[in-house]
Amino acid sequence: MTNGFSGNTQAMSLVAFSAVAAITLLLCVMTGPDGDDLDEFYTGYGSLSPMRNGLAIAGDYISAASVLGTGGVIALCGYDGIALALSTALSLMLLMFLLAEPLRNAGRFTMGDALARRMPGRGIRITACVVTIAALMPLMLVQLAGTGQLLAFILGFSGDALKTGCIIGLGALMISYAAIGGMKGTALIQILKIVMLLGSGAVVALLVLRRFDWDPGALFNAAAAQSGVGSAFLHSGVEFAGSSNPRLDMITSELTVVLGGACLPHVTMRMYTARSARQVRRSMSWAVSSVVLFVLIMTVVGFGATALIGRAVIAQADPQGNTAYLLGSRAAFGTDVSASETFLFTTVTTAIFLTLLASVAGMILACANSLAHDVFAARVQEMSERREMTLARLSALAVGIPAILLATLVQHRSLQPLVTLSFCLGASAIAPALVYSLFWRRYTRTGLLCTLIGGTLAVLLVMPGTNLVSGSPVAAFPDADFNWFPFTTTGLLTIPLGFAFGWLGTVASGRRASEEQRRQYEAVEGWILAGAVRRGG
């Protein structure tokens, strides 16, 4: 099937992609830190205003998987897609009200800092680094593999060699963003991305509503009529219709997104860039507002895609619906597309392209920071800032190159299991560890290690048995069937296990260790929870 984009649109998109790549790389060079300024590389000195920091948080949070994947679920599954989109907004609100300020107070550069504040030691930092990479690597693979597929879809080529070339070339660009720009450079790219994404998306959403005389009810009814499932499109159950327990599967999936989404390290690292607790609150207000606007836009554009071109056409273009946002944007213009509408559509494609670039750059930066600061720098008692900066930049290469190679291998398979894997790790290992570390007085080092290691291993063991990996036509391995866990995510089992491992590890540490941790926690409780003191280290 052709994508329906004219040669003019494809040429403009290619020029726009090239210009964006050059401009953003130049921004990173101009705003990048000095060679020995470690604080600037890791946090940008907290120089961003609350609005800009909030937009950067929203930019890190809204990945290409959110734009393309969530848009596809909305277009193909209707109500279930809206529930998924709302779960992403709720996840960021959970971070805002529960974890943002304590994280900012307890941490300095990385998640390892926040976890090791109460329980210092190299073992804690190494484990935190391993979990960080394990949680973010699958998402990086999805974004990188999606880069080749997106460019192939928009520009109209189908050769595997060209797709692989796009992955390698753009992956190198993403590594450069992280290594050269540091926290401030990647923040500027995230801000540019979120402004373009929300601005162009809002215009497209208004065009869709105009096609239905500004009546959302008419839009929803038209989408249901074109969905092939009738009124069921506007009720829960379409996405999980093949599950043995659709309602429980849906609830578990939403819970996994809510707990896991905002706890992923590339999002939490933005908490350390705020200068004060008040700035964290204001930044998170901007971030949540931006994500809520994104949810509204995705709902209108997703339903518009189904109403204007039909669910069957969307599924034919991509069984996962990843092209629904683009197809819906194109359909909003009608059959006769003016020059201004061509320019607007080019802005939409460029915003998605920039989303791919910025998302991976932020994830590479989070992994590189953890690798350099928590693993390499922790080995040496007094490491110079220049040397640690060099290690951080080399770590970006060490993380990025394997991600590029793996992305070229998985690009032809269903990538949904990888997205789900990241969220499950965030919900089952990272979320329990952060909640216990920041709020439980008696939490011990053994309990923390049990949470991180046990939660991660539980997800890795259960994930291959889910129906996303095998046992269905849209699974990663459609011809195989080793599906023994009949749910879409592992959360039903692994989230309780993650919290249970932490509790059991703490109990097994003994009363003396628990009491010692309680005394240590009470000594710093004021500045963890209220920001009474901001300590370095």
Protein backbone atom coordinates (compact mmCIF):
# COMPACT_ATOMS: atom_id res chain seq x y z
CA MET A 1 0.00 0.00 0.00
CA THR A 2 1.28 3.49 -0.83
CA ASN A 3 1.33 6.10 1.88
CA GLY A 4 -0.63 8.64 -0.17
CA PHE A 5 1.97 11.39 0.29
CA SER A 6 2.88 13.43 -2.78
CA GLY A 7 6.41 13.79 -4.08
CA ASN A 8 6.29 17.43 -3.02
CA THR A 9 5.48 16.44 0.56
CA GLN A 10 8.25 13.84 0.58
CA ALA A 11 10.81 16.35 -0.75
CA MET A 12 9.80 18.98 1.81
CA SER A 13 9.96 16.40 4.60
CA LEU A 14 13.46 15.31 3.59
CA VAL A 15 14.68 18.92 3.54
CA ALA A 16 13.00 19.60 6.90
CA PHE A 17 14.52 16.47 8.46
CA SER A 18 18.00 17.49 7.31
CA ALA A 19 17.55 21.05 8.57
CA VAL A 20 16.29 19.89 11.97
CA ALA A 21 19.20 17.47 12.36
CA ALA A 22 21.72 20.22 11.55
CA ILE A 23 20.09 22.87 13.74
CA THR A 24 19.68 20.62 16.78
CA LEU A 25 23.27 19.40 16.55
CA LEU A 26 24.42 23.03 16.35
CA LEU A 27 22.33 23.82 19.44
CA CYS A 28 24.06 21.02 21.33
CA VAL A 29 27.50 22.31 20.32
CA MET A 30 26.64 25.89 21.32
CA THR A 31 25.05 24.99 24.67
CA GLY A 32 27.27 22.04 25.59
CA PRO A 33 29.26 22.20 28.85
CA ASP A 34 32.93 23.04 29.18
CA GLY A 35 35.37 20.15 29.22
CA ASP A 36 35.70 20.08 33.02
CA ASP A 37 32.28 21.36 34.14
CA LEU A 38 30.65 18.21 35.47
CA ASP A 39 27.73 19.91 37.19
CA GLU A 40 26.75 21.62 33.96
CA PHE A 41 26.91 18.34 32.00
CA TYR A 42 24.76 16.40 34.48
CA THR A 43 22.24 19.08 35.51
CA GLY A 44 22.79 22.19 33.37
CA TYR A 45 23.35 24.07 36.65
CA GLY A 46 19.58 24.14 37.12
CA SER A 47 19.61 27.11 34.73
CA LEU A 48 16.25 26.39 33.08
CA SER A 49 13.17 28.29 34.17
CA PRO A 50 10.26 26.22 35.56
CA MET A 51 8.39 26.54 32.26
CA ARG A 52 11.34 25.39 30.16
CA ASN A 53 12.24 22.64 32.61
CA GLY A 54 8.61 21.47 32.63
CA LEU A 55 8.53 21.37 28.84
CA ALA A 56 11.79 19.38 28.87
CA ILE A 57 10.26 16.90 31.36
CA ALA A 58 7.20 16.53 29.12
CA GLY A 59 9.51 16.10 26.13
CA ASP A 60 11.39 13.28 27.84
CA TYR A 61 8.13 11.69 28.96
CA ILE A 62 6.40 11.83 25.55
CA SER A 63 8.48 9.46 23.47
CA ALA A 64 7.97 8.39 19.89
CA ALA A 65 6.44 5.20 21.27
CA SER A 66 3.82 7.38 22.97
CA VAL A 67 3.05 9.39 19.83
CA LEU A 68 2.97 6.52 17.36
CA GLY A 69 1.98 3.64 19.65
CA THR A 70 -0.69 5.41 21.70
CA GLY A 71 -2.11 7.05 18.57
CA GLY A 72 -2.34 3.61 16.99
CA VAL A 73 -4.14 2.07 19.96
CA ILE A 74 -6.64 4.94 19.98
CA ALA A 75 -7.29 4.58 16.24
CA LEU A 76 -7.62 0.77 16.36
CA CYS A 77 -9.20 0.21 19.79
CA GLY A 78 -11.08 3.42 20.60
CA TYR A 79 -11.98 3.61 24.29
CA ASP A 80 -9.09 1.35 25.35
CA GLY A 81 -6.67 3.72 23.64
CA ILE A 82 -8.10 6.71 25.50
CA ALA A 83 -7.71 4.82 28.78
CA LEU A 84 -4.06 4.13 27.91
CA ALA A 85 -3.44 7.80 27.06
CA LEU A 86 -5.06 8.93 30.31
CA SER A 87 -2.88 6.46 32.22
CA THR A 88 0.23 8.20 30.87
CA ALA A 89 -1.05 11.54 32.18
CA LEU A 90 -1.97 9.99 35.53
CA SER A 91 1.53 8.50 35.80
CA LEU A 92 3.14 11.93 35.52
CA MET A 93 0.70 13.30 38.10
CA LEU A 94 1.75 10.50 40.45
CA LEU A 95 5.38 11.55 40.00
CA MET A 96 4.41 15.18 40.60
CA PHE A 97 2.55 14.63 43.87
CA LEU A 98 4.49 11.71 45.38
CA LEU A 99 8.09 11.47 44.19
CA ALA A 100 9.27 14.66 42.46
CA GLU A 101 10.33 16.74 45.47
CA PRO A 102 11.88 13.88 47.52
CA LEU A 103 13.80 12.78 44.42
CA ARG A 104 15.14 16.28 43.87
CA ASN A 105 16.14 16.54 47.53
CA ALA A 106 17.75 13.10 47.81
CA GLY A 107 19.49 12.86 44.44
CA ARG A 108 22.18 14.85 42.71
CA PHE A 109 22.89 13.45 39.23
CA THR A 110 21.42 9.95 38.84
CA MET A 111 18.91 7.50 40.28
CA GLY A 112 21.89 5.80 41.96
CA ASP A 113 22.50 9.00 43.94
CA ALA A 114 18.95 9.01 45.27
CA LEU A 115 19.06 5.33 46.23
CA ALA A 116 22.56 5.46 47.72
CA ARG A 117 21.88 8.57 49.83
CA ARG A 118 20.67 6.43 52.74
CA MET A 119 22.60 3.29 51.84
CA PRO A 120 25.93 4.29 50.30
CA GLY A 121 28.02 1.66 48.62
CA ARG A 122 29.26 0.66 45.21
CA GLY A 123 26.99 -2.41 45.06
CA ILE A 124 23.86 -0.23 45.26
CA ARG A 125 25.14 2.10 42.54
CA ILE A 126 26.14 -0.72 40.17
CA THR A 127 22.76 -2.41 40.61
CA ALA A 128 20.98 0.90 39.99
CA CYS A 129 23.02 1.37 36.80
CA VAL A 130 22.23 -2.13 35.53
CA VAL A 131 18.50 -1.63 36.16
CA THR A 132 18.63 1.79 34.49
CA ILE A 133 20.14 0.33 31.32
CA ALA A 134 17.84 -2.71 31.40
CA ALA A 135 14.76 -0.47 31.66
CA LEU A 136 15.78 2.02 28.97
CA MET A 137 17.51 -0.19 26.39
CA PRO A 138 14.23 -1.76 25.11
CA LEU A 139 12.69 1.70 24.64
CA MET A 140 15.80 2.85 22.78
CA LEU A 141 15.54 -0.11 20.43
CA VAL A 142 11.90 0.74 19.71
CA GLN A 143 12.70 4.37 18.90
CA LEU A 144 15.71 3.51 16.74
CA ALA A 145 13.92 0.77 14.81
CA GLY A 146 10.95 3.12 14.42
CA THR A 147 13.24 5.73 12.86
CA GLY A 148 13.92 3.55 9.82
CA GLN A 149 10.26 2.55 9.51
CA LEU A 150 9.04 6.15 9.82
CA LEU A 151 11.40 7.51 7.18
CA ALA A 152 10.59 4.61 4.88
CA PHE A 153 6.87 5.26 5.27
CA ILE A 154 7.05 9.03 4.75
CA LEU A 155 9.70 9.09 2.01
CA GLY A 156 8.30 6.08 0.16
CA PHE A 157 11.25 3.67 0.10
CA SER A 158 11.09 0.04 1.14
CA GLY A 159 14.63 -1.33 0.92
CA ASP A 160 15.96 -2.96 4.10
CA ALA A 161 19.44 -1.56 3.42
CA LEU A 162 18.08 2.00 3.40
CA LYS A 163 16.15 1.42 6.64
CA THR A 164 19.27 0.02 8.32
CA GLY A 165 21.29 2.97 7.04
CA CYS A 166 18.76 5.37 8.57
CA ILE A 167 18.99 3.60 11.93
CA ILE A 168 22.80 3.74 11.95
CA GLY A 169 23.08 7.35 10.75
CA LEU A 170 20.43 8.76 13.05
CA GLY A 171 21.67 6.64 15.96
CA ALA A 172 25.08 8.28 15.59
CA LEU A 173 23.36 11.67 15.64
CA MET A 174 21.51 10.79 18.84
CA ILE A 175 24.75 9.71 20.53
CA SER A 176 26.25 13.07 19.54
CA TYR A 177 23.36 14.94 21.16
CA ALA A 178 23.94 13.19 24.47
CA ALA A 179 27.75 13.31 24.42
CA ILE A 180 28.09 16.92 23.26
CA GLY A 181 25.04 18.67 24.68
CA GLY A 182 24.72 17.04 28.08
CA MET A 183 21.64 17.85 30.14
CA LYS A 184 21.19 21.42 28.91
CA GLY A 185 21.66 20.59 25.22
CA THR A 186 19.21 17.70 25.30
CA ALA A 187 16.76 19.85 27.28
CA LEU A 188 16.70 22.46 24.51
CA ILE A 189 16.00 19.74 21.95
CA GLN A 190 13.19 18.37 24.13
CA ILE A 191 11.68 21.86 24.41
CA LEU A 192 11.82 22.38 20.65
CA LYS A 193 10.31 18.95 20.13
CA ILE A 194 7.38 19.40 22.53
CA VAL A 195 6.53 22.86 21.16
CA MET A 196 6.51 21.55 17.58
CA LEU A 197 4.62 18.39 18.52
CA LEU A 198 1.89 20.12 20.50
CA GLY A 199 1.64 23.09 18.15
CA SER A 200 1.30 21.10 14.94
CA GLY A 201 -0.88 18.48 16.65
CA ALA A 202 -3.28 21.11 17.98
CA VAL A 203 -3.77 22.55 14.49
CA VAL A 204 -4.41 19.07 13.05
CA ALA A 205 -6.89 18.31 15.86
CA LEU A 206 -8.78 21.53 15.05
CA LEU A 207 -8.87 20.59 11.36
CA VAL A 208 -10.29 17.18 12.28
CA LEU A 209 -12.99 18.76 14.45
CA ARG A 210 -13.83 21.20 11.66
CA ARG A 211 -14.52 18.24 9.37
CA PHE A 212 -17.24 17.21 11.85
CA ASP A 213 -18.70 20.68 12.44
CA TRP A 214 -16.88 21.03 15.78
CA ASP A 215 -18.97 18.23 17.30
CA PRO A 216 -16.89 15.65 19.22
CA GLY A 217 -19.94 13.39 19.48
CA ALA A 218 -20.24 13.27 15.70
CA LEU A 219 -16.52 12.45 15.48
CA PHE A 220 -16.83 9.56 17.93
CA ASN A 221 -19.93 8.16 16.21
CA ALA A 222 -18.27 8.35 12.79
CA ALA A 223 -15.19 6.56 14.16
CA ALA A 224 -17.38 3.81 15.63
CA ALA A 225 -19.17 3.43 12.29
CA GLN A 226 -15.83 3.06 10.45
CA SER A 227 -14.25 0.80 13.07
CA GLY A 228 -15.83 -2.45 11.95
CA VAL A 229 -16.89 -3.27 15.52
CA GLY A 230 -19.71 -0.76 15.88
CA SER A 231 -20.57 0.69 19.27
CA ALA A 232 -18.05 -1.64 20.96
CA PHE A 233 -15.40 0.81 19.73
CA LEU A 234 -16.67 3.31 22.31
CA HIS A 235 -16.53 0.83 25.19
CA SER A 236 -13.72 -1.12 26.86
CA GLY A 237 -12.69 -4.53 25.60
CA VAL A 238 -11.62 -4.13 21.96
CA GLU A 239 -7.87 -4.15 22.64
CA PHE A 240 -8.01 -7.13 24.98
CA ALA A 241 -10.78 -9.06 23.22
CA GLY A 242 -8.51 -12.09 22.70
CA SER A 243 -7.46 -12.27 26.35
CA SER A 244 -8.81 -14.93 28.69
CA ASN A 245 -9.76 -12.17 31.18
CA PRO A 246 -10.10 -8.88 29.23
CA ARG A 247 -11.10 -6.66 32.15
CA LEU A 248 -8.27 -7.84 34.44
CA ASP A 249 -5.78 -7.59 31.56
CA MET A 250 -6.82 -3.99 30.91
CA ILE A 251 -6.61 -2.97 34.57
CA THR A 252 -3.17 -4.57 34.91
CA SER A 253 -1.90 -2.83 31.77
CA GLU A 254 -3.10 0.57 32.96
CA LEU A 255 -1.58 0.02 36.42
CA THR A 256 1.75 -0.88 34.84
CA VAL A 257 1.74 2.33 32.79
CA VAL A 258 0.75 4.46 35.78
CA LEU A 259 3.45 3.04 38.10
CA GLY A 260 6.17 2.48 35.53
CA GLY A 261 5.97 5.38 33.09
CA ALA A 262 7.08 8.29 35.24
CA CYS A 263 9.62 6.24 37.25
CA LEU A 264 11.83 5.52 34.25
CA PRO A 265 15.30 7.05 34.81
CA HIS A 266 15.33 9.38 31.79
CA VAL A 267 12.27 11.13 33.28
CA THR A 268 13.36 11.18 36.92
CA MET A 269 16.78 12.61 35.99
CA ARG A 270 15.05 15.89 35.13
CA MET A 271 14.11 16.31 38.80
CA TYR A 272 17.78 16.96 39.62
CA THR A 273 17.92 19.99 37.30
CA ALA A 274 15.58 22.08 39.50
CA ARG A 275 17.16 24.57 41.88
CA SER A 276 14.51 24.31 44.60
CA ALA A 277 11.48 22.35 45.71
CA ARG A 278 9.24 25.22 44.57
CA GLN A 279 10.78 25.04 41.11
CA VAL A 280 10.14 21.28 40.99
CA ARG A 281 6.45 21.87 41.71
CA ARG A 282 6.16 24.58 39.07
CA SER A 283 8.09 22.53 36.52
CA MET A 284 5.88 19.50 37.08
CA SER A 285 2.77 21.67 36.68
CA TRP A 286 3.97 22.68 33.21
CA ALA A 287 4.87 19.08 32.40
CA VAL A 288 1.48 17.67 33.45
CA SER A 289 -0.38 20.40 31.56
CA SER A 290 1.61 19.63 28.41
CA VAL A 291 0.94 15.89 28.69
CA VAL A 292 -2.80 16.45 29.24
CA LEU A 293 -2.90 18.60 26.10
CA PHE A 294 -1.04 15.84 24.27
CA VAL A 295 -3.67 13.30 25.40
CA LEU A 296 -6.48 15.49 24.07
CA ILE A 297 -4.71 15.95 20.73
CA MET A 298 -3.98 12.25 20.34
CA THR A 299 -7.61 11.38 21.12
CA VAL A 300 -8.98 13.72 18.46
CA VAL A 301 -6.41 12.79 15.80
CA GLY A 302 -6.68 9.05 16.53
CA PHE A 303 -10.47 9.02 16.32
CA GLY A 304 -10.23 11.29 13.30
CA ALA A 305 -8.01 8.79 11.51
CA THR A 306 -10.54 6.00 12.08
CA ALA A 307 -13.50 8.19 11.11
CA LEU A 308 -11.91 9.58 7.93
CA ILE A 309 -10.08 6.59 6.44
CA GLY A 310 -11.37 3.57 8.37
CA ARG A 311 -9.86 1.11 10.82
CA ALA A 312 -9.14 -1.47 8.10
CA VAL A 313 -6.96 0.95 6.12
CA ILE A 314 -4.98 1.87 9.25
CA ALA A 315 -4.43 -1.80 10.15
CA GLN A 316 -3.39 -2.56 6.57
CA ALA A 317 -0.73 0.14 6.67
CA ASP A 318 0.59 -1.14 10.02
CA PRO A 319 -1.03 -3.89 12.14
CA GLN A 320 0.07 -2.04 15.31
CA GLY A 321 -1.37 1.26 14.04
CA ASN A 322 1.92 3.14 14.35
CA THR A 323 1.18 5.16 11.21
CA ALA A 324 -2.31 6.19 12.37
CA TYR A 325 -1.18 9.63 13.58
CA LEU A 326 0.38 10.43 10.20
CA LEU A 327 -2.53 9.00 8.23
CA GLY A 328 -5.02 10.91 10.37
CA SER A 329 -3.06 14.14 9.92
CA ARG A 330 -2.99 13.63 6.16
CA ALA A 331 -6.70 12.79 6.01
CA ALA A 332 -7.62 15.94 7.96
CA PHE A 333 -6.62 18.05 4.94
CA GLY A 334 -9.01 16.32 2.54
CA THR A 335 -8.27 15.36 -1.07
CA ASP A 336 -7.05 18.74 -2.34
CA VAL A 337 -4.04 19.81 -0.31
CA SER A 338 -2.88 23.41 -0.56
CA ALA A 339 0.71 24.60 -0.23
CA SER A 340 0.06 25.79 3.33
CA GLU A 341 -1.44 22.42 4.28
CA THR A 342 1.57 20.65 2.76
CA PHE A 343 3.80 22.85 4.91
CA LEU A 344 1.71 22.00 7.99
CA PHE A 345 1.92 18.29 7.29
CA THR A 346 5.68 18.63 6.86
CA THR A 347 5.75 20.25 10.30
CA VAL A 348 3.85 17.25 11.71
CA THR A 349 6.29 14.74 10.22
CA THR A 350 9.25 16.82 11.35
CA ALA A 351 7.87 16.97 14.90
CA ILE A 352 7.62 13.17 14.98
CA PHE A 353 11.12 12.87 13.51
CA LEU A 354 12.45 15.23 16.20
CA THR A 355 10.56 13.21 18.82
CA LEU A 356 12.46 10.10 17.74
CA LEU A 357 15.80 11.92 17.91
CA ALA A 358 15.17 13.63 21.25
CA SER A 359 13.71 10.57 22.98
CA VAL A 360 16.70 8.36 22.30
CA ALA A 361 19.15 11.16 23.12
CA GLY A 362 17.55 11.58 26.55
CA MET A 363 17.66 7.85 27.24
CA ILE A 364 21.29 7.55 26.12
CA LEU A 365 22.17 10.48 28.40
CA ALA A 366 20.45 8.86 31.40
CA CYS A 367 22.27 5.56 30.83
CA ALA A 368 25.62 7.26 30.16
CA ASN A 369 25.34 9.43 33.28
CA SER A 370 24.60 6.37 35.41
CA LEU A 371 27.40 4.33 33.87
CA ALA A 372 29.98 7.09 34.34
CA HIS A 373 28.87 8.38 37.74
CA ASP A 374 27.62 5.24 39.48
CA VAL A 375 30.04 2.65 38.10
CA PHE A 376 33.29 4.22 36.93
CA ALA A 377 33.52 7.30 39.17
CA ALA A 378 32.46 5.29 42.22
CA ARG A 379 35.59 3.14 41.85
CA VAL A 380 37.91 6.08 42.42
CA GLN A 381 37.70 8.08 45.65
CA GLU A 382 38.78 11.37 44.08
CA MET A 383 38.19 11.45 40.33
CA SER A 384 38.78 14.74 38.52
CA GLU A 385 35.73 16.37 36.92
CA ARG A 386 37.42 16.43 33.52
CA ARG A 387 38.05 12.70 33.65
CA GLU A 388 34.49 11.91 34.74
CA MET A 389 33.19 14.14 31.93
CA THR A 390 35.28 12.18 29.44
CA LEU A 391 33.96 8.92 30.89
CA ALA A 392 30.37 10.17 30.57
CA ARG A 393 30.87 10.98 26.90
CA LEU A 394 32.55 7.64 26.24
CA SER A 395 29.69 5.96 28.10
CA ALA A 396 27.26 7.50 25.61
CA LEU A 397 29.16 5.61 22.92
CA ALA A 398 29.24 2.44 25.01
CA VAL A 399 25.44 2.54 25.38
CA GLY A 400 24.52 3.91 21.97
CA ILE A 401 26.50 1.58 19.71
CA PRO A 402 25.01 -1.68 21.08
CA ALA A 403 21.55 -0.06 20.92
CA ILE A 404 22.04 0.73 17.23
CA LEU A 405 23.25 -2.79 16.43
CA LEU A 406 20.38 -4.42 18.32
CA ALA A 407 17.85 -2.09 16.68
CA THR A 408 18.94 -3.25 13.23
CA LEU A 409 18.26 -6.85 14.32
CA VAL A 410 14.77 -6.30 15.77
CA GLN A 411 13.42 -3.81 13.22
CA HIS A 412 11.35 -6.44 11.39
CA ARG A 413 9.60 -7.81 14.47
CA SER A 414 6.74 -6.52 16.58
CA LEU A 415 8.24 -3.95 18.95
CA GLN A 416 5.35 -3.76 21.41
CA PRO A 417 6.91 -6.35 23.78
CA LEU A 418 9.96 -4.09 24.17
CA VAL A 419 7.83 -1.07 25.11
CA THR A 420 5.91 -3.18 27.59
CA LEU A 421 9.15 -4.61 29.02
CA SER A 422 10.43 -1.12 29.88
CA PHE A 423 7.21 -0.12 31.62
CA CYS A 424 7.07 -3.43 33.52
CA LEU A 425 10.64 -2.92 34.79
CA GLY A 426 9.78 0.63 35.84
CA ALA A 427 6.68 -0.55 37.71
CA SER A 428 8.10 -3.74 39.23
CA ALA A 429 11.66 -2.77 40.19
CA ILE A 430 12.24 0.99 40.06
CA ALA A 431 8.94 2.22 41.51
CA PRO A 432 9.07 -0.03 44.61
CA ALA A 433 12.73 0.85 45.19
CA LEU A 434 12.04 4.60 45.02
CA VAL A 435 8.92 4.47 47.18
CA TYR A 436 10.60 2.36 49.88
CA SER A 437 13.87 4.34 49.80
CA LEU A 438 12.18 7.72 50.08
CA PHE A 439 9.43 6.90 52.59
CA TRP A 440 10.13 3.70 54.59
CA ARG A 441 12.31 4.36 57.62
CA ARG A 442 13.33 0.72 58.23
CA TYR A 443 14.21 -0.10 54.60
CA THR A 444 17.63 -1.77 54.46
CA ARG A 445 20.37 -2.29 51.91
CA THR A 446 19.38 -5.95 51.53
CA GLY A 447 15.77 -4.92 50.96
CA LEU A 448 16.83 -2.44 48.27
CA LEU A 449 18.96 -5.00 46.44
CA CYS A 450 16.16 -7.56 46.65
CA THR A 451 13.71 -5.05 45.19
CA LEU A 452 15.91 -4.07 42.25
CA ILE A 453 17.30 -7.50 41.43
CA GLY A 454 14.20 -9.52 42.31
CA GLY A 455 11.78 -7.20 40.49
CA THR A 456 13.97 -7.13 37.39
CA LEU A 457 14.48 -10.90 37.26
CA ALA A 458 10.76 -11.51 37.81
CA VAL A 459 9.89 -9.35 34.79
CA LEU A 460 12.57 -10.94 32.61
CA LEU A 461 11.34 -14.43 33.52
CA VAL A 462 7.62 -13.76 33.07
CA MET A 463 7.76 -11.48 30.00
CA PRO A 464 8.59 -14.26 27.46
CA GLY A 465 5.42 -16.06 28.52
CA THR A 466 3.04 -13.16 27.76
CA ASN A 467 0.84 -13.07 24.68
CA LEU A 468 2.85 -10.18 23.22
CA VAL A 469 5.83 -12.45 22.65
CA SER A 470 4.11 -15.54 21.19
CA GLY A 471 0.75 -17.17 20.71
CA SER A 472 -0.94 -14.52 18.55
CA PRO A 473 -0.60 -13.19 14.96
CA VAL A 474 0.69 -9.80 16.16
CA ALA A 475 3.21 -11.22 18.65
CA ALA A 476 6.96 -10.84 18.23
CA PHE A 477 7.15 -14.55 17.33
CA PRO A 478 3.79 -15.21 15.62
CA ASP A 479 4.73 -18.73 14.47
CA ALA A 480 5.65 -19.93 17.96
CA ASP A 481 3.49 -20.54 21.00
CA PHE A 482 5.16 -20.63 24.41
CA ASN A 483 2.52 -18.37 25.95
CA TRP A 484 1.94 -19.52 29.54
CA PHE A 485 1.06 -16.15 31.17
CA PRO A 486 -2.21 -15.11 29.49
CA PHE A 487 -1.84 -11.34 29.93
CA THR A 488 -0.38 -8.45 27.98
CA THR A 489 1.92 -7.24 30.76
CA THR A 490 3.65 -8.93 33.66
CA GLY A 491 2.34 -6.39 36.18
CA LEU A 492 -0.33 -8.59 37.76
CA LEU A 493 2.42 -10.84 39.13
CA THR A 494 5.62 -8.78 39.14
CA ILE A 495 4.43 -5.51 40.72
CA PRO A 496 3.34 -7.24 43.96
CA LEU A 497 6.54 -9.32 43.81
CA GLY A 498 8.69 -6.18 43.53
CA PHE A 499 7.20 -4.72 46.71
CA ALA A 500 7.23 -8.13 48.44
CA PHE A 501 10.94 -8.69 47.67
CA GLY A 502 11.79 -5.35 49.30
CA TRP A 503 9.75 -6.18 52.40
CA LEU A 504 11.19 -9.69 52.68
CA GLY A 505 14.76 -8.46 52.20
CA THR A 506 14.26 -5.88 54.93
CA VAL A 507 12.73 -8.42 57.33
CA ALA A 508 15.56 -10.85 56.60
CA SER A 509 18.12 -8.16 57.48
CA GLY A 510 17.12 -8.40 61.12
CA ARG A 511 15.83 -5.95 63.69
CA ARG A 512 19.25 -4.39 64.36
CA ALA A 513 19.78 -3.43 60.70
CA SER A 514 16.25 -2.06 60.46
CA GLU A 515 16.68 0.06 63.56
CA GLU A 516 19.99 1.40 62.27
CA GLN A 517 18.34 2.39 59.00
CA ARG A 518 15.50 4.02 60.90
CA ARG A 519 17.95 6.19 62.84
CA GLN A 520 19.83 7.13 59.67
CA TYR A 521 16.62 7.98 57.87
CA GLU A 522 15.31 10.15 60.71
CA ALA A 523 18.56 12.11 60.63
CA VAL A 524 17.95 13.13 57.02
CA GLU A 525 14.15 12.92 56.85
CA GLY A 526 13.76 16.69 56.93
CA TRP A 527 15.78 17.38 53.83
CA ILE A 528 14.52 14.34 51.89
CA LEU A 529 10.84 15.14 52.39
CA ALA A 530 10.91 18.91 52.87
CA GLY A 531 14.17 20.01 51.24
CA ALA A 532 15.47 21.52 54.48
CA VAL A 533 19.03 20.90 53.27
CA ARG A 534 20.41 20.22 49.79
CA ARG A 535 23.59 18.19 50.08
CA GLY A 536 26.06 17.39 47.37
CA GLY A 537 27.55 14.04 46.55
